Amino acid sequence: MKVIDYIALVLVIIGAINWGLIGFFQFDLVRFIFGNMTILARIVYALVGISGLYALSYFGRLKNDM
């Protein structure tokens, strides 16, 4: 499962950077690269969202490691 953890973490970081760009500069990097709500942009947004939900499981694993 370690590979999935790293993929999820990278996607969450991409999402965080994108939201930072939107918040600070009103620039949506995903829309710039893939277009305004094209199927590719929607897939990227969906994968980032799913990764964020998956990343919630990190809290349970951190608690178990302590």
PDB file of N, CA and C in Angstrom:
ATOM      1  N   MET A   1       0.811  -1.198   0.000  1.00  0.00           N
ATOM      2  CA  MET A   1       0.000   0.000   0.000  1.00  0.00           C
ATOM      3  C   MET A   1       0.856   1.265   0.000  1.00  0.00           C
ATOM      4  N   LYS A   2       2.128   1.140   0.168  1.00  0.00           N
ATOM      5  CA  LYS A   2       2.979   2.314   0.244  1.00  0.00           C
ATOM      6  C   LYS A   2       2.945   3.128  -1.048  1.00  0.00           C
ATOM      7  N   VAL A   3       2.870   2.463  -2.203  1.00  0.00           N
ATOM      8  CA  VAL A   3       2.834   3.170  -3.481  1.00  0.00           C
ATOM      9  C   VAL A   3       1.571   4.018  -3.569  1.00  0.00           C
ATOM     10  N   ILE A   4       0.447   3.476  -3.145  1.00  0.00           N
ATOM     11  CA  ILE A   4      -0.807   4.230  -3.161  1.00  0.00           C
ATOM     12  C   ILE A   4      -0.711   5.436  -2.232  1.00  0.00           C
ATOM     13  N   ASP A   5      -0.052   5.266  -1.087  1.00  0.00           N
ATOM     14  CA  ASP A   5       0.128   6.386  -0.162  1.00  0.00           C
ATOM     15  C   ASP A   5       0.901   7.518  -0.815  1.00  0.00           C
ATOM     16  N   TYR A   6       1.972   7.203  -1.512  1.00  0.00           N
ATOM     17  CA  TYR A   6       2.777   8.232  -2.167  1.00  0.00           C
ATOM     18  C   TYR A   6       2.011   8.904  -3.308  1.00  0.00           C
ATOM     19  N   ILE A   7       1.280   8.133  -4.083  1.00  0.00           N
ATOM     20  CA  ILE A   7       0.480   8.708  -5.159  1.00  0.00           C
ATOM     21  C   ILE A   7      -0.568   9.650  -4.579  1.00  0.00           C
ATOM     22  N   ALA A   8      -1.243   9.218  -3.522  1.00  0.00           N
ATOM     23  CA  ALA A   8      -2.258  10.056  -2.887  1.00  0.00           C
ATOM     24  C   ALA A   8      -1.631  11.329  -2.333  1.00  0.00           C
ATOM     25  N   LEU A   9      -0.464  11.204  -1.722  1.00  0.00           N
ATOM     26  CA  LEU A   9       0.202  12.376  -1.160  1.00  0.00           C
ATOM     27  C   LEU A   9       0.587  13.372  -2.251  1.00  0.00           C
ATOM     28  N   VAL A  10       1.102  12.886  -3.368  1.00  0.00           N
ATOM     29  CA  VAL A  10       1.467  13.766  -4.482  1.00  0.00           C
ATOM     30  C   VAL A  10       0.230  14.477  -5.016  1.00  0.00           C
ATOM     31  N   LEU A  11      -0.869  13.758  -5.169  1.00  0.00           N
ATOM     32  CA  LEU A  11      -2.098  14.379  -5.674  1.00  0.00           C
ATOM     33  C   LEU A  11      -2.665  15.395  -4.692  1.00  0.00           C
ATOM     34  N   VAL A  12      -2.562  15.117  -3.410  1.00  0.00           N
ATOM     35  CA  VAL A  12      -3.024  16.080  -2.402  1.00  0.00           C
ATOM     36  C   VAL A  12      -2.157  17.341  -2.450  1.00  0.00           C
ATOM     37  N   ILE A  13      -0.860  17.174  -2.630  1.00  0.00           N
ATOM     38  CA  ILE A  13       0.038  18.329  -2.737  1.00  0.00           C
ATOM     39  C   ILE A  13      -0.289  19.136  -3.987  1.00  0.00           C
ATOM     40  N   ILE A  14      -0.535  18.462  -5.108  1.00  0.00           N
ATOM     41  CA  ILE A  14      -0.929  19.164  -6.334  1.00  0.00           C
ATOM     42  C   ILE A  14      -2.210  19.957  -6.096  1.00  0.00           C
ATOM     43  N   GLY A  15      -3.166  19.341  -5.427  1.00  0.00           N
ATOM     44  CA  GLY A  15      -4.409  20.044  -5.112  1.00  0.00           C
ATOM     45  C   GLY A  15      -4.178  21.245  -4.208  1.00  0.00           C
ATOM     46  N   ALA A  16      -3.312  21.094  -3.220  1.00  0.00           N
ATOM     47  CA  ALA A  16      -3.020  22.200  -2.307  1.00  0.00           C
ATOM     48  C   ALA A  16      -2.333  23.351  -3.044  1.00  0.00           C
ATOM     49  N   ILE A  17      -1.405  23.024  -3.924  1.00  0.00           N
ATOM     50  CA  ILE A  17      -0.739  24.065  -4.715  1.00  0.00           C
ATOM     51  C   ILE A  17      -1.759  24.768  -5.611  1.00  0.00           C
ATOM     52  N   ASN A  18      -2.634  24.001  -6.240  1.00  0.00           N
ATOM     53  CA  ASN A  18      -3.651  24.599  -7.103  1.00  0.00           C
ATOM     54  C   ASN A  18      -4.560  25.529  -6.308  1.00  0.00           C
ATOM     55  N   TRP A  19      -5.002  25.100  -5.131  1.00  0.00           N
ATOM     56  CA  TRP A  19      -5.860  25.962  -4.316  1.00  0.00           C
ATOM     57  C   TRP A  19      -5.110  27.194  -3.840  1.00  0.00           C
ATOM     58  N   GLY A  20      -3.828  27.059  -3.547  1.00  0.00           N
ATOM     59  CA  GLY A  20      -3.019  28.222  -3.180  1.00  0.00           C
ATOM     60  C   GLY A  20      -2.927  29.220  -4.324  1.00  0.00           C
ATOM     61  N   LEU A  21      -2.717  28.710  -5.533  1.00  0.00           N
ATOM     62  CA  LEU A  21      -2.665  29.584  -6.704  1.00  0.00           C
ATOM     63  C   LEU A  21      -4.007  30.284  -6.927  1.00  0.00           C
ATOM     64  N   ILE A  22      -5.097  29.554  -6.725  1.00  0.00           N
ATOM     65  CA  ILE A  22      -6.424  30.158  -6.872  1.00  0.00           C
ATOM     66  C   ILE A  22      -6.621  31.246  -5.810  1.00  0.00           C
ATOM     67  N   GLY A  23      -6.255  30.950  -4.582  1.00  0.00           N
ATOM     68  CA  GLY A  23      -6.450  31.900  -3.483  1.00  0.00           C
ATOM     69  C   GLY A  23      -5.596  33.150  -3.598  1.00  0.00           C
ATOM     70  N   PHE A  24      -4.335  32.986  -3.965  1.00  0.00           N
ATOM     71  CA  PHE A  24      -3.435  34.127  -4.015  1.00  0.00           C
ATOM     72  C   PHE A  24      -3.484  34.896  -5.332  1.00  0.00           C
ATOM     73  N   PHE A  25      -3.638  34.186  -6.431  1.00  0.00           N
ATOM     74  CA  PHE A  25      -3.498  34.824  -7.743  1.00  0.00           C
ATOM     75  C   PHE A  25      -4.716  34.652  -8.659  1.00  0.00           C
ATOM     76  N   GLN A  26      -5.775  34.006  -8.176  1.00  0.00           N
ATOM     77  CA  GLN A  26      -6.952  33.701  -8.988  1.00  0.00           C
ATOM     78  C   GLN A  26      -6.555  32.984 -10.287  1.00  0.00           C
ATOM     79  N   PHE A  27      -5.630  32.054 -10.150  1.00  0.00           N
ATOM     80  CA  PHE A  27      -5.123  31.294 -11.305  1.00  0.00           C
ATOM     81  C   PHE A  27      -5.329  29.811 -11.043  1.00  0.00           C
ATOM     82  N   ASP A  28      -6.143  29.171 -11.846  1.00  0.00           N
ATOM     83  CA  ASP A  28      -6.421  27.746 -11.712  1.00  0.00           C
ATOM     84  C   ASP A  28      -5.504  26.981 -12.667  1.00  0.00           C
ATOM     85  N   LEU A  29      -4.484  26.353 -12.129  1.00  0.00           N
ATOM     86  CA  LEU A  29      -3.486  25.660 -12.934  1.00  0.00           C
ATOM     87  C   LEU A  29      -4.088  24.488 -13.698  1.00  0.00           C
ATOM     88  N   VAL A  30      -4.988  23.756 -13.071  1.00  0.00           N
ATOM     89  CA  VAL A  30      -5.618  22.609 -13.736  1.00  0.00           C
ATOM     90  C   VAL A  30      -6.427  23.079 -14.936  1.00  0.00           C
ATOM     91  N   ARG A  31      -7.187  24.140 -14.762  1.00  0.00           N
ATOM     92  CA  ARG A  31      -7.977  24.676 -15.873  1.00  0.00           C
ATOM     93  C   ARG A  31      -7.064  25.206 -16.975  1.00  0.00           C
ATOM     94  N   PHE A  32      -5.947  25.819 -16.584  1.00  0.00           N
ATOM     95  CA  PHE A  32      -4.999  26.343 -17.563  1.00  0.00           C
ATOM     96  C   PHE A  32      -4.401  25.220 -18.415  1.00  0.00           C
ATOM     97  N   ILE A  33      -4.068  24.098 -17.771  1.00  0.00           N
ATOM     98  CA  ILE A  33      -3.426  22.983 -18.477  1.00  0.00           C
ATOM     99  C   ILE A  33      -4.435  22.162 -19.274  1.00  0.00           C
ATOM    100  N   PHE A  34      -5.579  21.844 -18.666  1.00  0.00           N
ATOM    101  CA  PHE A  34      -6.519  20.894 -19.269  1.00  0.00           C
ATOM    102  C   PHE A  34      -7.771  21.524 -19.866  1.00  0.00           C
ATOM    103  N   GLY A  35      -8.001  22.799 -19.628  1.00  0.00           N
ATOM    104  CA  GLY A  35      -9.201  23.444 -20.148  1.00  0.00           C
ATOM    105  C   GLY A  35     -10.269  23.557 -19.077  1.00  0.00           C
ATOM    106  N   ASN A  36     -11.294  24.344 -19.378  1.00  0.00           N
ATOM    107  CA  ASN A  36     -12.352  24.615 -18.416  1.00  0.00           C
ATOM    108  C   ASN A  36     -13.339  23.449 -18.359  1.00  0.00           C
ATOM    109  N   MET A  37     -13.228  22.644 -17.350  1.00  0.00           N
ATOM    110  CA  MET A  37     -14.090  21.503 -17.072  1.00  0.00           C
ATOM    111  C   MET A  37     -14.168  20.506 -18.229  1.00  0.00           C
ATOM    112  N   THR A  38     -13.040  20.288 -18.878  1.00  0.00           N
ATOM    113  CA  THR A  38     -12.974  19.203 -19.849  1.00  0.00           C
ATOM    114  C   THR A  38     -12.975  17.896 -19.083  1.00  0.00           C
ATOM    115  N   ILE A  39     -13.082  16.807 -19.778  1.00  0.00           N
ATOM    116  CA  ILE A  39     -13.089  15.499 -19.107  1.00  0.00           C
ATOM    117  C   ILE A  39     -11.769  15.261 -18.373  1.00  0.00           C
ATOM    118  N   LEU A  40     -10.649  15.725 -18.955  1.00  0.00           N
ATOM    119  CA  LEU A  40      -9.353  15.557 -18.283  1.00  0.00           C
ATOM    120  C   LEU A  40      -9.276  16.376 -16.999  1.00  0.00           C
ATOM    121  N   ALA A  41      -9.774  17.605 -17.045  1.00  0.00           N
ATOM    122  CA  ALA A  41      -9.779  18.440 -15.842  1.00  0.00           C
ATOM    123  C   ALA A  41     -10.654  17.818 -14.763  1.00  0.00           C
ATOM    124  N   ARG A  42     -11.805  17.298 -15.162  1.00  0.00           N
ATOM    125  CA  ARG A  42     -12.697  16.660 -14.178  1.00  0.00           C
ATOM    126  C   ARG A  42     -12.050  15.423 -13.572  1.00  0.00           C
ATOM    127  N   ILE A  43     -11.306  14.661 -14.367  1.00  0.00           N
ATOM    128  CA  ILE A  43     -10.601  13.485 -13.844  1.00  0.00           C
ATOM    129  C   ILE A  43      -9.550  13.912 -12.833  1.00  0.00           C
ATOM    130  N   VAL A  44      -8.798  14.973 -13.157  1.00  0.00           N
ATOM    131  CA  VAL A  44      -7.777  15.461 -12.222  1.00  0.00           C
ATOM    132  C   VAL A  44      -8.434  15.909 -10.919  1.00  0.00           C
ATOM    133  N   TYR A  45      -9.492  16.707 -11.017  1.00  0.00           N
ATOM    134  CA  TYR A  45     -10.186  17.151  -9.809  1.00  0.00           C
ATOM    135  C   TYR A  45     -10.714  15.969  -9.007  1.00  0.00           C
ATOM    136  N   ALA A  46     -11.278  14.979  -9.676  1.00  0.00           N
ATOM    137  CA  ALA A  46     -11.815  13.804  -8.989  1.00  0.00           C
ATOM    138  C   ALA A  46     -10.705  13.020  -8.298  1.00  0.00           C
ATOM    139  N   LEU A  47      -9.583  12.825  -8.981  1.00  0.00           N
ATOM    140  CA  LEU A  47      -8.468  12.078  -8.376  1.00  0.00           C
ATOM    141  C   LEU A  47      -7.894  12.817  -7.165  1.00  0.00           C
ATOM    142  N   VAL A  48      -7.799  14.142  -7.266  1.00  0.00           N
ATOM    143  CA  VAL A  48      -7.316  14.926  -6.125  1.00  0.00           C
ATOM    144  C   VAL A  48      -8.290  14.803  -4.957  1.00  0.00           C
ATOM    145  N   GLY A  49      -9.586  14.871  -5.238  1.00  0.00           N
ATOM    146  CA  GLY A  49     -10.584  14.733  -4.175  1.00  0.00           C
ATOM    147  C   GLY A  49     -10.561  13.368  -3.516  1.00  0.00           C
ATOM    148  N   ILE A  50     -10.475  12.334  -4.317  1.00  0.00           N
ATOM    149  CA  ILE A  50     -10.398  10.972  -3.775  1.00  0.00           C
ATOM    150  C   ILE A  50      -9.122  10.801  -2.956  1.00  0.00           C
ATOM    151  N   SER A  51      -8.034  11.380  -3.434  1.00  0.00           N
ATOM    152  CA  SER A  51      -6.763  11.292  -2.701  1.00  0.00           C
ATOM    153  C   SER A  51      -6.857  12.007  -1.364  1.00  0.00           C
ATOM    154  N   GLY A  52      -7.562  13.136  -1.347  1.00  0.00           N
ATOM    155  CA  GLY A  52      -7.757  13.843  -0.086  1.00  0.00           C
ATOM    156  C   GLY A  52      -8.535  13.008   0.919  1.00  0.00           C
ATOM    157  N   LEU A  53      -9.575  12.345   0.441  1.00  0.00           N
ATOM    158  CA  LEU A  53     -10.339  11.465   1.330  1.00  0.00           C
ATOM    159  C   LEU A  53      -9.495  10.285   1.801  1.00  0.00           C
ATOM    160  N   TYR A  54      -8.704   9.729   0.887  1.00  0.00           N
ATOM    161  CA  TYR A  54      -7.825   8.619   1.252  1.00  0.00           C
ATOM    162  C   TYR A  54      -6.782   9.072   2.267  1.00  0.00           C
ATOM    163  N   ALA A  55      -6.297  10.311   2.122  1.00  0.00           N
ATOM    164  CA  ALA A  55      -5.277  10.824   3.034  1.00  0.00           C
ATOM    165  C   ALA A  55      -5.791  10.949   4.466  1.00  0.00           C
ATOM    166  N   LEU A  56      -7.108  10.998   4.634  1.00  0.00           N
ATOM    167  CA  LEU A  56      -7.653  11.009   5.994  1.00  0.00           C
ATOM    168  C   LEU A  56      -7.255   9.754   6.763  1.00  0.00           C
ATOM    169  N   SER A  57      -7.012   8.665   6.056  1.00  0.00           N
ATOM    170  CA  SER A  57      -6.610   7.426   6.725  1.00  0.00           C
ATOM    171  C   SER A  57      -5.212   7.537   7.327  1.00  0.00           C
ATOM    172  N   TYR A  58      -4.436   8.528   6.906  1.00  0.00           N
ATOM    173  CA  TYR A  58      -3.105   8.716   7.486  1.00  0.00           C
ATOM    174  C   TYR A  58      -3.191   8.999   8.980  1.00  0.00           C
ATOM    175  N   PHE A  59      -4.244   9.696   9.391  1.00  0.00           N
ATOM    176  CA  PHE A  59      -4.384  10.011  10.810  1.00  0.00           C
ATOM    177  C   PHE A  59      -4.511   8.748  11.645  1.00  0.00           C
ATOM    178  N   GLY A  60      -5.273   7.790  11.183  1.00  0.00           N
ATOM    179  CA  GLY A  60      -5.419   6.544  11.913  1.00  0.00           C
ATOM    180  C   GLY A  60      -4.113   5.764  11.963  1.00  0.00           C
ATOM    181  N   ARG A  61      -3.370   5.796  10.885  1.00  0.00           N
ATOM    182  CA  ARG A  61      -2.090   5.084  10.864  1.00  0.00           C
ATOM    183  C   ARG A  61      -1.048   5.790  11.722  1.00  0.00           C
ATOM    184  N   LEU A  62      -1.077   7.109  11.771  1.00  0.00           N
ATOM    185  CA  LEU A  62      -0.143   7.839  12.622  1.00  0.00           C
ATOM    186  C   LEU A  62      -0.414   7.528  14.081  1.00  0.00           C
ATOM    187  N   LYS A  63      -1.685   7.447  14.421  1.00  0.00           N
ATOM    188  CA  LYS A  63      -2.076   7.142  15.797  1.00  0.00           C
ATOM    189  C   LYS A  63      -1.587   5.744  16.195  1.00  0.00           C
ATOM    190  N   ASN A  64      -1.667   4.799  15.257  1.00  0.00           N
ATOM    191  CA  ASN A  64      -1.229   3.440  15.539  1.00  0.00           C
ATOM    192  C   ASN A  64       0.282   3.321  15.648  1.00  0.00           C
ATOM    193  N   ASP A  65       1.036   4.211  14.976  1.00  0.00           N
ATOM    194  CA  ASP A  65       2.496   4.167  15.025  1.00  0.00           C
ATOM    195  C   ASP A  65       3.061   4.715  16.317  1.00  0.00           C
ATOM    196  N   MET A  66       2.277   5.507  17.038  1.00  0.00           N
ATOM    197  CA  MET A  66       2.791   6.135  18.269  1.00  0.00           C
ATOM    198  C   MET A  66       2.772   5.206  19.416  1.00  0.00           C
TER     199      MET A  66
END
